[in-house]
Full PDB file with SEQRES, HELIX, SHEET, SSBOND, CRYST1, ORIGX, SCALE, CONECT and MASTER records, all heavy atoms in Angstrom:
SEQRES   1 A   48  PHE GLU TYR VAL ALA GLY GLU CYS THR LYS GLY ILE ALA          
SEQRES   2 A   48  GLN VAL SER MET GLU HIS GLY VAL PRO ILE SER PHE GLY          
SEQRES   3 A   48  VAL LEU THR VAL ASP SER ILE GLU GLN ALA VAL GLU ARG          
SEQRES   4 A   48  SER GLY THR LYS ALA GLY ASN LYS GLY                          
HELIX    1 AA1 GLU A    2  HIS A   19  1                                  18    
HELIX    2 AA2 ILE A   33  ARG A   39  1                                   7    
CRYST1    1.000    1.000    1.000  90.00  90.00  90.00 P 1           1          
ORIGX1      1.000000  0.000000  0.000000        0.00000                         
ORIGX2      0.000000  1.000000  0.000000        0.00000                         
ORIGX3      0.000000  0.000000  1.000000        0.00000                         
SCALE1      1.000000  0.000000  0.000000        0.00000                         
SCALE2      0.000000  1.000000  0.000000        0.00000                         
SCALE3      0.000000  0.000000  1.000000        0.00000                         
ATOM      1  N   PHE A   1       8.478   7.978   7.944  1.00  0.00           N  
ATOM      2  CA  PHE A   1       9.047   8.267   6.631  1.00  0.00           C  
ATOM      3  C   PHE A   1       9.668   7.009   5.983  1.00  0.00           C  
ATOM      4  O   PHE A   1       9.376   6.709   4.824  1.00  0.00           O  
ATOM      5  CB  PHE A   1      10.115   9.359   6.763  1.00  0.00           C  
ATOM      6  CG  PHE A   1      10.899   9.576   5.492  1.00  0.00           C  
ATOM      7  CD1 PHE A   1      10.481  10.485   4.542  1.00  0.00           C  
ATOM      8  CD2 PHE A   1      12.103   8.923   5.301  1.00  0.00           C  
ATOM      9  CE1 PHE A   1      11.219  10.718   3.384  1.00  0.00           C  
ATOM     10  CE2 PHE A   1      12.839   9.123   4.143  1.00  0.00           C  
ATOM     11  CZ  PHE A   1      12.398  10.008   3.166  1.00  0.00           C  
ATOM     12  N   GLU A   2      10.470   6.307   6.731  1.00  0.00           N  
ATOM     13  CA  GLU A   2      11.145   5.126   6.191  1.00  0.00           C  
ATOM     14  C   GLU A   2      10.153   4.080   5.735  1.00  0.00           C  
ATOM     15  O   GLU A   2      10.306   3.443   4.702  1.00  0.00           O  
ATOM     16  CB  GLU A   2      12.135   4.541   7.196  1.00  0.00           C  
ATOM     17  CG  GLU A   2      13.450   5.246   7.270  1.00  0.00           C  
ATOM     18  CD  GLU A   2      13.403   6.489   8.231  1.00  0.00           C  
ATOM     19  OE1 GLU A   2      12.412   6.653   8.940  1.00  0.00           O  
ATOM     20  OE2 GLU A   2      14.380   7.262   8.197  1.00  0.00           O  
ATOM     21  N   TYR A   3       9.112   3.865   6.561  1.00  0.00           N  
ATOM     22  CA  TYR A   3       8.140   2.845   6.243  1.00  0.00           C  
ATOM     23  C   TYR A   3       7.361   3.222   4.969  1.00  0.00           C  
ATOM     24  O   TYR A   3       7.217   2.369   4.053  1.00  0.00           O  
ATOM     25  CB  TYR A   3       7.150   2.637   7.355  1.00  0.00           C  
ATOM     26  CG  TYR A   3       7.807   2.195   8.639  1.00  0.00           C  
ATOM     27  CD1 TYR A   3       7.541   2.854   9.853  1.00  0.00           C  
ATOM     28  CD2 TYR A   3       8.724   1.112   8.684  1.00  0.00           C  
ATOM     29  CE1 TYR A   3       8.163   2.447  11.024  1.00  0.00           C  
ATOM     30  CE2 TYR A   3       9.327   0.730   9.841  1.00  0.00           C  
ATOM     31  CZ  TYR A   3       9.041   1.396  11.001  1.00  0.00           C  
ATOM     32  OH  TYR A   3       9.655   1.022  12.193  1.00  0.00           O  
ATOM     33  N   VAL A   4       6.873   4.420   4.896  1.00  0.00           N  
ATOM     34  CA  VAL A   4       6.088   4.844   3.751  1.00  0.00           C  
ATOM     35  C   VAL A   4       6.926   4.901   2.483  1.00  0.00           C  
ATOM     36  O   VAL A   4       6.552   4.343   1.452  1.00  0.00           O  
ATOM     37  CB  VAL A   4       5.396   6.184   4.006  1.00  0.00           C  
ATOM     38  CG1 VAL A   4       4.693   6.725   2.762  1.00  0.00           C  
ATOM     39  CG2 VAL A   4       4.409   6.081   5.160  1.00  0.00           C  
ATOM     40  N   ALA A   5       8.083   5.558   2.582  1.00  0.00           N  
ATOM     41  CA  ALA A   5       8.947   5.689   1.387  1.00  0.00           C  
ATOM     42  C   ALA A   5       9.378   4.317   0.869  1.00  0.00           C  
ATOM     43  O   ALA A   5       9.372   4.031  -0.328  1.00  0.00           O  
ATOM     44  CB  ALA A   5      10.147   6.565   1.688  1.00  0.00           C  
ATOM     45  N   GLY A   6       9.822   3.445   1.798  1.00  0.00           N  
ATOM     46  CA  GLY A   6      10.286   2.136   1.399  1.00  0.00           C  
ATOM     47  C   GLY A   6       9.241   1.264   0.775  1.00  0.00           C  
ATOM     48  O   GLY A   6       9.446   0.611  -0.252  1.00  0.00           O  
ATOM     49  N   GLU A   7       8.065   1.230   1.406  1.00  0.00           N  
ATOM     50  CA  GLU A   7       6.986   0.380   0.865  1.00  0.00           C  
ATOM     51  C   GLU A   7       6.453   0.919  -0.468  1.00  0.00           C  
ATOM     52  O   GLU A   7       6.107   0.150  -1.370  1.00  0.00           O  
ATOM     53  CB  GLU A   7       5.862   0.231   1.881  1.00  0.00           C  
ATOM     54  CG  GLU A   7       6.242  -0.567   3.106  1.00  0.00           C  
ATOM     55  CD  GLU A   7       6.749  -1.962   2.737  1.00  0.00           C  
ATOM     56  OE1 GLU A   7       6.086  -2.657   1.956  1.00  0.00           O  
ATOM     57  OE2 GLU A   7       7.803  -2.355   3.243  1.00  0.00           O  
ATOM     58  N   CYS A   8       6.409   2.244  -0.597  1.00  0.00           N  
ATOM     59  CA  CYS A   8       5.978   2.847  -1.857  1.00  0.00           C  
ATOM     60  C   CYS A   8       6.943   2.455  -2.979  1.00  0.00           C  
ATOM     61  O   CYS A   8       6.524   1.981  -4.039  1.00  0.00           O  
ATOM     62  CB  CYS A   8       5.879   4.356  -1.713  1.00  0.00           C  
ATOM     63  SG  CYS A   8       5.377   5.208  -3.196  1.00  0.00           S  
ATOM     64  N   THR A   9       8.211   2.620  -2.726  1.00  0.00           N  
ATOM     65  CA  THR A   9       9.240   2.302  -3.744  1.00  0.00           C  
ATOM     66  C   THR A   9       9.212   0.852  -4.120  1.00  0.00           C  
ATOM     67  O   THR A   9       9.167   0.504  -5.304  1.00  0.00           O  
ATOM     68  CB  THR A   9      10.619   2.711  -3.199  1.00  0.00           C  
ATOM     69  OG1 THR A   9      10.612   4.083  -2.840  1.00  0.00           O  
ATOM     70  CG2 THR A   9      11.698   2.440  -4.201  1.00  0.00           C  
ATOM     71  N   LYS A  10       9.196  -0.002  -3.127  1.00  0.00           N  
ATOM     72  CA  LYS A  10       9.207  -1.437  -3.369  1.00  0.00           C  
ATOM     73  C   LYS A  10       7.935  -1.880  -4.081  1.00  0.00           C  
ATOM     74  O   LYS A  10       7.990  -2.693  -5.028  1.00  0.00           O  
ATOM     75  CB  LYS A  10       9.355  -2.193  -2.021  1.00  0.00           C  
ATOM     76  CG  LYS A  10       9.443  -3.684  -2.146  1.00  0.00           C  
ATOM     77  CD  LYS A  10       9.811  -4.369  -0.843  1.00  0.00           C  
ATOM     78  CE  LYS A  10       8.763  -4.091   0.240  1.00  0.00           C  
ATOM     79  NZ  LYS A  10       8.988  -4.818   1.483  1.00  0.00           N  
ATOM     80  N   GLY A  11       6.807  -1.347  -3.641  1.00  0.00           N  
ATOM     81  CA  GLY A  11       5.531  -1.746  -4.248  1.00  0.00           C  
ATOM     82  C   GLY A  11       5.421  -1.341  -5.720  1.00  0.00           C  
ATOM     83  O   GLY A  11       4.947  -2.116  -6.568  1.00  0.00           O  
ATOM     84  N   ILE A  12       5.885  -0.136  -6.046  1.00  0.00           N  
ATOM     85  CA  ILE A  12       5.823   0.327  -7.428  1.00  0.00           C  
ATOM     86  C   ILE A  12       6.684  -0.574  -8.329  1.00  0.00           C  
ATOM     87  O   ILE A  12       6.277  -0.994  -9.401  1.00  0.00           O  
ATOM     88  CB  ILE A  12       6.241   1.809  -7.538  1.00  0.00           C  
ATOM     89  CG1 ILE A  12       5.145   2.698  -6.938  1.00  0.00           C  
ATOM     90  CG2 ILE A  12       6.564   2.220  -8.969  1.00  0.00           C  
ATOM     91  CD1 ILE A  12       5.507   4.147  -6.800  1.00  0.00           C  
ATOM     92  N   ALA A  13       7.883  -0.890  -7.869  1.00  0.00           N  
ATOM     93  CA  ALA A  13       8.794  -1.743  -8.648  1.00  0.00           C  
ATOM     94  C   ALA A  13       8.176  -3.121  -8.822  1.00  0.00           C  
ATOM     95  O   ALA A  13       8.231  -3.680  -9.941  1.00  0.00           O  
ATOM     96  CB  ALA A  13      10.141  -1.835  -7.966  1.00  0.00           C  
ATOM     97  N   GLN A  14       7.588  -3.662  -7.819  1.00  0.00           N  
ATOM     98  CA  GLN A  14       6.964  -4.970  -7.868  1.00  0.00           C  
ATOM     99  C   GLN A  14       5.785  -5.006  -8.870  1.00  0.00           C  
ATOM    100  O   GLN A  14       5.705  -5.946  -9.679  1.00  0.00           O  
ATOM    101  CB  GLN A  14       6.475  -5.395  -6.473  1.00  0.00           C  
ATOM    102  CG  GLN A  14       5.867  -6.765  -6.435  1.00  0.00           C  
ATOM    103  CD  GLN A  14       5.414  -7.133  -4.984  1.00  0.00           C  
ATOM    104  OE1 GLN A  14       5.635  -6.359  -4.013  1.00  0.00           O  
ATOM    105  NE2 GLN A  14       4.795  -8.248  -4.856  1.00  0.00           N  
ATOM    106  N   VAL A  15       4.956  -3.969  -8.829  1.00  0.00           N  
ATOM    107  CA  VAL A  15       3.830  -3.892  -9.765  1.00  0.00           C  
ATOM    108  C   VAL A  15       4.292  -3.820 -11.208  1.00  0.00           C  
ATOM    109  O   VAL A  15       3.781  -4.507 -12.100  1.00  0.00           O  
ATOM    110  CB  VAL A  15       2.886  -2.741  -9.407  1.00  0.00           C  
ATOM    111  CG1 VAL A  15       1.854  -2.516 -10.485  1.00  0.00           C  
ATOM    112  CG2 VAL A  15       2.214  -2.929  -8.079  1.00  0.00           C  
ATOM    113  N   SER A  16       5.303  -3.000 -11.425  1.00  0.00           N  
ATOM    114  CA  SER A  16       5.853  -2.847 -12.789  1.00  0.00           C  
ATOM    115  C   SER A  16       6.364  -4.171 -13.318  1.00  0.00           C  
ATOM    116  O   SER A  16       6.074  -4.558 -14.462  1.00  0.00           O  
ATOM    117  CB  SER A  16       6.948  -1.769 -12.804  1.00  0.00           C  
ATOM    118  OG  SER A  16       7.438  -1.555 -14.098  1.00  0.00           O  
ATOM    119  N   MET A  17       7.138  -4.866 -12.507  1.00  0.00           N  
ATOM    120  CA  MET A  17       7.671  -6.146 -12.964  1.00  0.00           C  
ATOM    121  C   MET A  17       6.588  -7.225 -13.131  1.00  0.00           C  
ATOM    122  O   MET A  17       6.620  -7.969 -14.085  1.00  0.00           O  
ATOM    123  CB  MET A  17       8.740  -6.655 -11.975  1.00  0.00           C  
ATOM    124  CG  MET A  17       9.946  -5.741 -11.925  1.00  0.00           C  
ATOM    125  SD  MET A  17      10.827  -5.614 -13.458  1.00  0.00           S  
ATOM    126  CE  MET A  17      11.473  -7.264 -13.592  1.00  0.00           C  
ATOM    127  N   GLU A  18       5.620  -7.245 -12.229  1.00  0.00           N  
ATOM    128  CA  GLU A  18       4.585  -8.250 -12.248  1.00  0.00           C  
ATOM    129  C   GLU A  18       3.672  -8.097 -13.488  1.00  0.00           C  
ATOM    130  O   GLU A  18       3.243  -9.081 -14.062  1.00  0.00           O  
ATOM    131  CB  GLU A  18       3.769  -8.143 -10.978  1.00  0.00           C  
ATOM    132  CG  GLU A  18       2.582  -9.081 -10.888  1.00  0.00           C  
ATOM    133  CD  GLU A  18       1.773  -8.871  -9.583  1.00  0.00           C  
ATOM    134  OE1 GLU A  18       2.350  -8.438  -8.581  1.00  0.00           O  
ATOM    135  OE2 GLU A  18       0.557  -9.164  -9.641  1.00  0.00           O  
ATOM    136  N   HIS A  19       3.395  -6.840 -13.872  1.00  0.00           N  
ATOM    137  CA  HIS A  19       2.463  -6.630 -14.945  1.00  0.00           C  
ATOM    138  C   HIS A  19       3.096  -6.175 -16.262  1.00  0.00           C  
ATOM    139  O   HIS A  19       2.386  -6.017 -17.261  1.00  0.00           O  
ATOM    140  CB  HIS A  19       1.414  -5.585 -14.504  1.00  0.00           C  
ATOM    141  CG  HIS A  19       0.549  -6.097 -13.409  1.00  0.00           C  
ATOM    142  ND1 HIS A  19      -0.540  -6.891 -13.633  1.00  0.00           N  
ATOM    143  CD2 HIS A  19       0.617  -5.943 -12.063  1.00  0.00           C  
ATOM    144  CE1 HIS A  19      -1.093  -7.216 -12.490  1.00  0.00           C  
ATOM    145  NE2 HIS A  19      -0.412  -6.662 -11.520  1.00  0.00           N  
ATOM    146  N   GLY A  20       4.401  -5.965 -16.246  1.00  0.00           N  
ATOM    147  CA  GLY A  20       5.079  -5.588 -17.494  1.00  0.00           C  
ATOM    148  C   GLY A  20       4.709  -4.243 -18.001  1.00  0.00           C  
ATOM    149  O   GLY A  20       4.828  -3.931 -19.191  1.00  0.00           O  
ATOM    150  N   VAL A  21       4.256  -3.378 -17.084  1.00  0.00           N  
ATOM    151  CA  VAL A  21       3.883  -2.015 -17.454  1.00  0.00           C  
ATOM    152  C   VAL A  21       4.921  -1.064 -16.835  1.00  0.00           C  
ATOM    153  O   VAL A  21       5.157  -1.146 -15.600  1.00  0.00           O  
ATOM    154  CB  VAL A  21       2.482  -1.645 -16.937  1.00  0.00           C  
ATOM    155  CG1 VAL A  21       2.147  -0.190 -17.200  1.00  0.00           C  
ATOM    156  CG2 VAL A  21       1.435  -2.544 -17.564  1.00  0.00           C  
ATOM    157  N   PRO A  22       5.563  -0.209 -17.611  1.00  0.00           N  
ATOM    158  CA  PRO A  22       6.507   0.719 -16.996  1.00  0.00           C  
ATOM    159  C   PRO A  22       5.781   1.699 -16.062  1.00  0.00           C  
ATOM    160  O   PRO A  22       4.736   2.207 -16.408  1.00  0.00           O  
ATOM    161  CB  PRO A  22       7.142   1.456 -18.176  1.00  0.00           C  
ATOM    162  CG  PRO A  22       6.249   1.226 -19.316  1.00  0.00           C  
ATOM    163  CD  PRO A  22       5.470  -0.056 -19.059  1.00  0.00           C  
ATOM    164  N   ILE A  23       6.372   1.842 -14.897  1.00  0.00           N  
ATOM    165  CA  ILE A  23       5.852   2.814 -13.949  1.00  0.00           C  
ATOM    166  C   ILE A  23       7.012   3.766 -13.597  1.00  0.00           C  
ATOM    167  O   ILE A  23       8.016   3.345 -13.016  1.00  0.00           O  
ATOM    168  CB  ILE A  23       5.326   2.175 -12.646  1.00  0.00           C  
ATOM    169  CG1 ILE A  23       4.225   1.144 -12.956  1.00  0.00           C  
ATOM    170  CG2 ILE A  23       4.799   3.259 -11.693  1.00  0.00           C  
ATOM    171  CD1 ILE A  23       3.713   0.378 -11.767  1.00  0.00           C  
ATOM    172  N   SER A  24       6.900   4.997 -14.006  1.00  0.00           N  
ATOM    173  CA  SER A  24       7.969   5.954 -13.720  1.00  0.00           C  
ATOM    174  C   SER A  24       7.766   6.509 -12.325  1.00  0.00           C  
ATOM    175  O   SER A  24       6.640   6.746 -11.856  1.00  0.00           O  
ATOM    176  CB  SER A  24       8.049   7.055 -14.790  1.00  0.00           C  
ATOM    177  OG  SER A  24       6.855   7.776 -14.840  1.00  0.00           O  
ATOM    178  N   PHE A  25       8.871   6.672 -11.629  1.00  0.00           N  
ATOM    179  CA  PHE A  25       8.881   7.016 -10.207  1.00  0.00           C  
ATOM    180  C   PHE A  25       9.004   8.476 -10.012  1.00  0.00           C  
ATOM    181  O   PHE A  25      10.102   9.063 -10.067  1.00  0.00           O  
ATOM    182  CB  PHE A  25       9.981   6.231  -9.492  1.00  0.00           C  
ATOM    183  CG  PHE A  25       9.897   6.294  -7.994  1.00  0.00           C  
ATOM    184  CD1 PHE A  25       9.023   5.497  -7.325  1.00  0.00           C  
ATOM    185  CD2 PHE A  25      10.720   7.153  -7.282  1.00  0.00           C  
ATOM    186  CE1 PHE A  25       8.944   5.526  -5.924  1.00  0.00           C  
ATOM    187  CE2 PHE A  25      10.639   7.196  -5.889  1.00  0.00           C  
ATOM    188  CZ  PHE A  25       9.744   6.407  -5.225  1.00  0.00           C  
ATOM    189  N   GLY A  26       7.906   9.162  -9.797  1.00  0.00           N  
ATOM    190  CA  GLY A  26       7.899  10.598  -9.498  1.00  0.00           C  
ATOM    191  C   GLY A  26       7.440  10.877  -8.090  1.00  0.00           C  
ATOM    192  O   GLY A  26       6.768  11.870  -7.836  1.00  0.00           O  
ATOM    193  N   VAL A  27       7.832   9.988  -7.181  1.00  0.00           N  
ATOM    194  CA  VAL A  27       7.478  10.173  -5.766  1.00  0.00           C  
ATOM    195  C   VAL A  27       8.698  10.760  -5.075  1.00  0.00           C  
ATOM    196  O   VAL A  27       9.748  10.137  -5.000  1.00  0.00           O  
ATOM    197  CB  VAL A  27       7.053   8.827  -5.110  1.00  0.00           C  
ATOM    198  CG1 VAL A  27       6.743   9.045  -3.646  1.00  0.00           C  
ATOM    199  CG2 VAL A  27       5.880   8.230  -5.857  1.00  0.00           C  
ATOM    200  N   LEU A  28       8.523  11.981  -4.590  1.00  0.00           N  
ATOM    201  CA  LEU A  28       9.625  12.615  -3.863  1.00  0.00           C  
ATOM    202  C   LEU A  28       9.815  11.965  -2.494  1.00  0.00           C  
ATOM    203  O   LEU A  28       8.822  11.683  -1.804  1.00  0.00           O  
ATOM    204  CB  LEU A  28       9.343  14.091  -3.634  1.00  0.00           C  
ATOM    205  CG  LEU A  28       9.142  14.988  -4.883  1.00  0.00           C  
ATOM    206  CD1 LEU A  28       8.825  16.389  -4.447  1.00  0.00           C  
ATOM    207  CD2 LEU A  28      10.327  14.911  -5.773  1.00  0.00           C  
ATOM    208  N   THR A  29      11.014  11.679  -2.131  1.00  0.00           N  
ATOM    209  CA  THR A  29      11.346  11.195  -0.803  1.00  0.00           C  
ATOM    210  C   THR A  29      12.427  12.128  -0.276  1.00  0.00           C  
ATOM    211  O   THR A  29      13.603  11.990  -0.637  1.00  0.00           O  
ATOM    212  CB  THR A  29      11.803   9.714  -0.804  1.00  0.00           C  
ATOM    213  OG1 THR A  29      12.884   9.581  -1.732  1.00  0.00           O  
ATOM    214  CG2 THR A  29      10.710   8.796  -1.250  1.00  0.00           C  
ATOM    215  N   VAL A  30      12.013  13.104   0.503  1.00  0.00           N  
ATOM    216  CA  VAL A  30      12.908  14.194   0.864  1.00  0.00           C  
ATOM    217  C   VAL A  30      12.992  14.396   2.372  1.00  0.00           C  
ATOM    218  O   VAL A  30      12.117  13.934   3.136  1.00  0.00           O  
ATOM    219  CB  VAL A  30      12.451  15.517   0.179  1.00  0.00           C  
ATOM    220  CG1 VAL A  30      12.581  15.399  -1.316  1.00  0.00           C  
ATOM    221  CG2 VAL A  30      11.024  15.861   0.580  1.00  0.00           C  
ATOM    222  N   ASP A  31      14.020  15.087   2.788  1.00  0.00           N  
ATOM    223  CA  ASP A  31      14.266  15.359   4.201  1.00  0.00           C  
ATOM    224  C   ASP A  31      13.501  16.549   4.742  1.00  0.00           C  
ATOM    225  O   ASP A  31      13.353  16.724   5.975  1.00  0.00           O  
ATOM    226  CB  ASP A  31      15.719  15.537   4.480  1.00  0.00           C  
ATOM    227  CG  ASP A  31      16.514  14.237   4.326  1.00  0.00           C  
ATOM    228  OD1 ASP A  31      15.961  13.169   4.654  1.00  0.00           O  
ATOM    229  OD2 ASP A  31      17.656  14.275   3.827  1.00  0.00           O  
ATOM    230  N   SER A  32      13.072  17.480   3.840  1.00  0.00           N  
ATOM    231  CA  SER A  32      12.447  18.691   4.330  1.00  0.00           C  
ATOM    232  C   SER A  32      11.436  19.253   3.328  1.00  0.00           C  
ATOM    233  O   SER A  32      11.489  18.887   2.127  1.00  0.00           O  
ATOM    234  CB  SER A  32      13.530  19.760   4.591  1.00  0.00           C  
ATOM    235  OG  SER A  32      14.110  20.157   3.356  1.00  0.00           O  
ATOM    236  N   ILE A  33      10.585  20.128   3.792  1.00  0.00           N  
ATOM    237  CA  ILE A  33       9.638  20.790   2.924  1.00  0.00           C  
ATOM    238  C   ILE A  33      10.418  21.602   1.852  1.00  0.00           C  
ATOM    239  O   ILE A  33      10.006  21.630   0.698  1.00  0.00           O  
ATOM    240  CB  ILE A  33       8.690  21.681   3.723  1.00  0.00           C  
ATOM    241  CG1 ILE A  33       7.756  20.819   4.550  1.00  0.00           C  
ATOM    242  CG2 ILE A  33       7.911  22.623   2.831  1.00  0.00           C  
ATOM    243  CD1 ILE A  33       6.901  21.564   5.535  1.00  0.00           C  
ATOM    244  N   GLU A  34      11.497  22.233   2.255  1.00  0.00           N  
ATOM    245  CA  GLU A  34      12.293  23.013   1.310  1.00  0.00           C  
ATOM    246  C   GLU A  34      12.812  22.135   0.157  1.00  0.00           C  
ATOM    247  O   GLU A  34      12.758  22.565  -1.011  1.00  0.00           O  
ATOM    248  CB  GLU A  34      13.494  23.651   2.026  1.00  0.00           C  
ATOM    249  CG  GLU A  34      13.105  24.736   3.049  1.00  0.00           C  
ATOM    250  CD  GLU A  34      12.570  24.193   4.365  1.00  0.00           C  
ATOM    251  OE1 GLU A  34      12.888  23.015   4.715  1.00  0.00           O  
ATOM    252  OE2 GLU A  34      11.829  24.923   5.047  1.00  0.00           O  
ATOM    253  N   GLN A  35      13.277  20.936   0.453  1.00  0.00           N  
ATOM    254  CA  GLN A  35      13.730  20.014  -0.613  1.00  0.00           C  
ATOM    255  C   GLN A  35      12.543  19.640  -1.520  1.00  0.00           C  
ATOM    256  O   GLN A  35      12.733  19.555  -2.753  1.00  0.00           O  
ATOM    257  CB  GLN A  35      14.341  18.785  -0.031  1.00  0.00           C  
ATOM    258  CG  GLN A  35      15.731  18.993   0.570  1.00  0.00           C  
ATOM    259  CD  GLN A  35      16.287  17.695   1.158  1.00  0.00           C  
ATOM    260  OE1 GLN A  35      15.587  16.716   1.338  1.00  0.00           O  
ATOM    261  NE2 GLN A  35      17.583  17.738   1.486  1.00  0.00           N  
ATOM    262  N   ALA A  36      11.394  19.409  -0.942  1.00  0.00           N  
ATOM    263  CA  ALA A  36      10.217  19.074  -1.717  1.00  0.00           C  
ATOM    264  C   ALA A  36       9.861  20.205  -2.685  1.00  0.00           C  
ATOM    265  O   ALA A  36       9.589  19.952  -3.854  1.00  0.00           O  
ATOM    266  CB  ALA A  36       9.027  18.752  -0.802  1.00  0.00           C  
ATOM    267  N   VAL A  37       9.885  21.421  -2.188  1.00  0.00           N  
ATOM    268  CA  VAL A  37       9.573  22.569  -3.029  1.00  0.00           C  
ATOM    269  C   VAL A  37      10.594  22.720  -4.154  1.00  0.00           C  
ATOM    270  O   VAL A  37      10.256  22.960  -5.322  1.00  0.00           O  
ATOM    271  CB  VAL A  37       9.464  23.866  -2.183  1.00  0.00           C  
ATOM    272  CG1 VAL A  37       9.388  25.114  -3.046  1.00  0.00           C  
ATOM    273  CG2 VAL A  37       8.255  23.779  -1.247  1.00  0.00           C  
ATOM    274  N   GLU A  38      11.887  22.533  -3.835  1.00  0.00           N  
ATOM    275  CA  GLU A  38      12.943  22.614  -4.811  1.00  0.00           C  
ATOM    276  C   GLU A  38      12.754  21.619  -5.938  1.00  0.00           C  
ATOM    277  O   GLU A  38      13.073  21.914  -7.092  1.00  0.00           O  
ATOM    278  CB  GLU A  38      14.330  22.391  -4.170  1.00  0.00           C  
ATOM    279  CG  GLU A  38      14.814  23.505  -3.297  1.00  0.00           C  
ATOM    280  CD  GLU A  38      16.076  23.176  -2.561  1.00  0.00           C  
ATOM    281  OE1 GLU A  38      16.629  22.068  -2.750  1.00  0.00           O  
ATOM    282  OE2 GLU A  38      16.523  24.008  -1.778  1.00  0.00           O  
ATOM    283  N   ARG A  39      12.250  20.428  -5.622  1.00  0.00           N  
ATOM    284  CA  ARG A  39      12.133  19.372  -6.591  1.00  0.00           C  
ATOM    285  C   ARG A  39      10.788  19.345  -7.321  1.00  0.00           C  
ATOM    286  O   ARG A  39      10.530  18.477  -8.188  1.00  0.00           O  
ATOM    287  CB  ARG A  39      12.387  17.999  -5.936  1.00  0.00           C  
ATOM    288  CG  ARG A  39      13.866  17.813  -5.583  1.00  0.00           C  
ATOM    289  CD  ARG A  39      14.082  16.755  -4.479  1.00  0.00           C  
ATOM    290  NE  ARG A  39      15.512  16.557  -4.267  1.00  0.00           N  
ATOM    291  CZ  ARG A  39      16.282  17.373  -3.586  1.00  0.00           C  
ATOM    292  NH1 ARG A  39      15.781  18.502  -3.073  1.00  0.00           N  
ATOM    293  NH2 ARG A  39      17.584  17.143  -3.376  1.00  0.00           N  
ATOM    294  N   SER A  40       9.910  20.290  -6.958  1.00  0.00           N  
ATOM    295  CA  SER A  40       8.599  20.313  -7.589  1.00  0.00           C  
ATOM    296  C   SER A  40       8.450  21.555  -8.496  1.00  0.00           C  
ATOM    297  O   SER A  40       7.331  22.020  -8.701  1.00  0.00           O  
ATOM    298  CB  SER A  40       7.500  20.262  -6.547  1.00  0.00           C  
ATOM    299  OG  SER A  40       7.558  21.395  -5.716  1.00  0.00           O  
ATOM    300  N   GLY A  41       9.548  22.077  -8.939  1.00  0.00           N  
ATOM    301  CA  GLY A  41       9.459  23.148  -9.920  1.00  0.00           C  
ATOM    302  C   GLY A  41      10.286  24.363  -9.679  1.00  0.00           C  
ATOM    303  O   GLY A  41      10.229  25.321 -10.454  1.00  0.00           O  
ATOM    304  N   THR A  42      11.151  24.351  -8.669  1.00  0.00           N  
ATOM    305  CA  THR A  42      12.007  25.522  -8.488  1.00  0.00           C  
ATOM    306  C   THR A  42      13.442  25.152  -8.904  1.00  0.00           C  
ATOM    307  O   THR A  42      13.647  24.566  -9.954  1.00  0.00           O  
ATOM    308  CB  THR A  42      11.921  26.079  -7.050  1.00  0.00           C  
ATOM    309  OG1 THR A  42      12.351  25.100  -6.112  1.00  0.00           O  
ATOM    310  CG2 THR A  42      10.491  26.517  -6.720  1.00  0.00           C  
ATOM    311  N   LYS A  43      14.407  25.415  -8.031  1.00  0.00           N  
ATOM    312  CA  LYS A  43      15.793  25.310  -8.480  1.00  0.00           C  
ATOM    313  C   LYS A  43      16.327  23.890  -8.774  1.00  0.00           C  
ATOM    314  O   LYS A  43      17.338  23.734  -9.437  1.00  0.00           O  
ATOM    315  CB  LYS A  43      16.747  26.029  -7.503  1.00  0.00           C  
ATOM    316  CG  LYS A  43      16.768  25.466  -6.121  1.00  0.00           C  
ATOM    317  CD  LYS A  43      17.693  26.343  -5.258  1.00  0.00           C  
ATOM    318  CE  LYS A  43      17.692  25.895  -3.839  1.00  0.00           C  
ATOM    319  NZ  LYS A  43      18.580  26.755  -3.037  1.00  0.00           N  
ATOM    320  N   ALA A  44      15.660  22.881  -8.309  1.00  0.00           N  
ATOM    321  CA  ALA A  44      16.111  21.497  -8.626  1.00  0.00           C  
ATOM    322  C   ALA A  44      15.241  20.860  -9.733  1.00  0.00           C  
ATOM    323  O   ALA A  44      15.287  19.656  -9.915  1.00  0.00           O  
ATOM    324  CB  ALA A  44      16.062  20.643  -7.352  1.00  0.00           C  
ATOM    325  N   GLY A  45      14.539  21.678 -10.446  1.00  0.00           N  
ATOM    326  CA  GLY A  45      13.703  21.168 -11.536  1.00  0.00           C  
ATOM    327  C   GLY A  45      12.350  20.633 -11.022  1.00  0.00           C  
ATOM    328  O   GLY A  45      11.959  20.899  -9.911  1.00  0.00           O  
ATOM    329  N   ASN A  46      11.673  19.921 -11.889  1.00  0.00           N  
ATOM    330  CA  ASN A  46      10.389  19.356 -11.531  1.00  0.00           C  
ATOM    331  C   ASN A  46      10.438  17.877 -11.806  1.00  0.00           C  
ATOM    332  O   ASN A  46      10.540  17.400 -12.921  1.00  0.00           O  
ATOM    333  CB  ASN A  46       9.256  20.006 -12.373  1.00  0.00           C  
ATOM    334  CG  ASN A  46       7.894  19.555 -11.964  1.00  0.00           C  
ATOM    335  OD1 ASN A  46       7.611  18.374 -11.839  1.00  0.00           O  
ATOM    336  ND2 ASN A  46       6.997  20.496 -11.770  1.00  0.00           N  
ATOM    337  N   LYS A  47      10.391  17.079 -10.749  1.00  0.00           N  
ATOM    338  CA  LYS A  47      10.509  15.627 -10.838  1.00  0.00           C  
ATOM    339  C   LYS A  47       9.303  15.010 -11.520  1.00  0.00           C  
ATOM    340  O   LYS A  47       9.380  13.898 -12.047  1.00  0.00           O  
ATOM    341  CB  LYS A  47      10.764  14.993  -9.480  1.00  0.00           C  
ATOM    342  CG  LYS A  47      12.037  15.493  -8.810  1.00  0.00           C  
ATOM    343  CD  LYS A  47      13.267  15.328  -9.625  1.00  0.00           C  
ATOM    344  CE  LYS A  47      14.484  15.911  -8.996  1.00  0.00           C  
ATOM    345  NZ  LYS A  47      15.660  15.946  -9.869  1.00  0.00           N  
ATOM    346  N   GLY A  48       8.188  15.726 -11.599  1.00  0.00           N  
ATOM    347  CA  GLY A  48       7.030  15.256 -12.346  1.00  0.00           C  
ATOM    348  C   GLY A  48       7.329  15.276 -13.811  1.00  0.00           C  
ATOM    349  O   GLY A  48       6.978  14.347 -14.580  1.00  0.00           O  
TER     350      GLY A  48                                                      
MASTER        0    0    0    2    0    0    0    6  349    1    0    4          
END                                                                             
């Protein structure tokens, strides 16, 4: 989890800065399936 989430986050920021194109971060990094479901359209809204 730490490797994938960290590299994804760092890579997206690097690409945005390098190319001057805004990249909005809609990648969930969560501790459980329940948190993922909550953030994809239920009680915690939809991060997309």
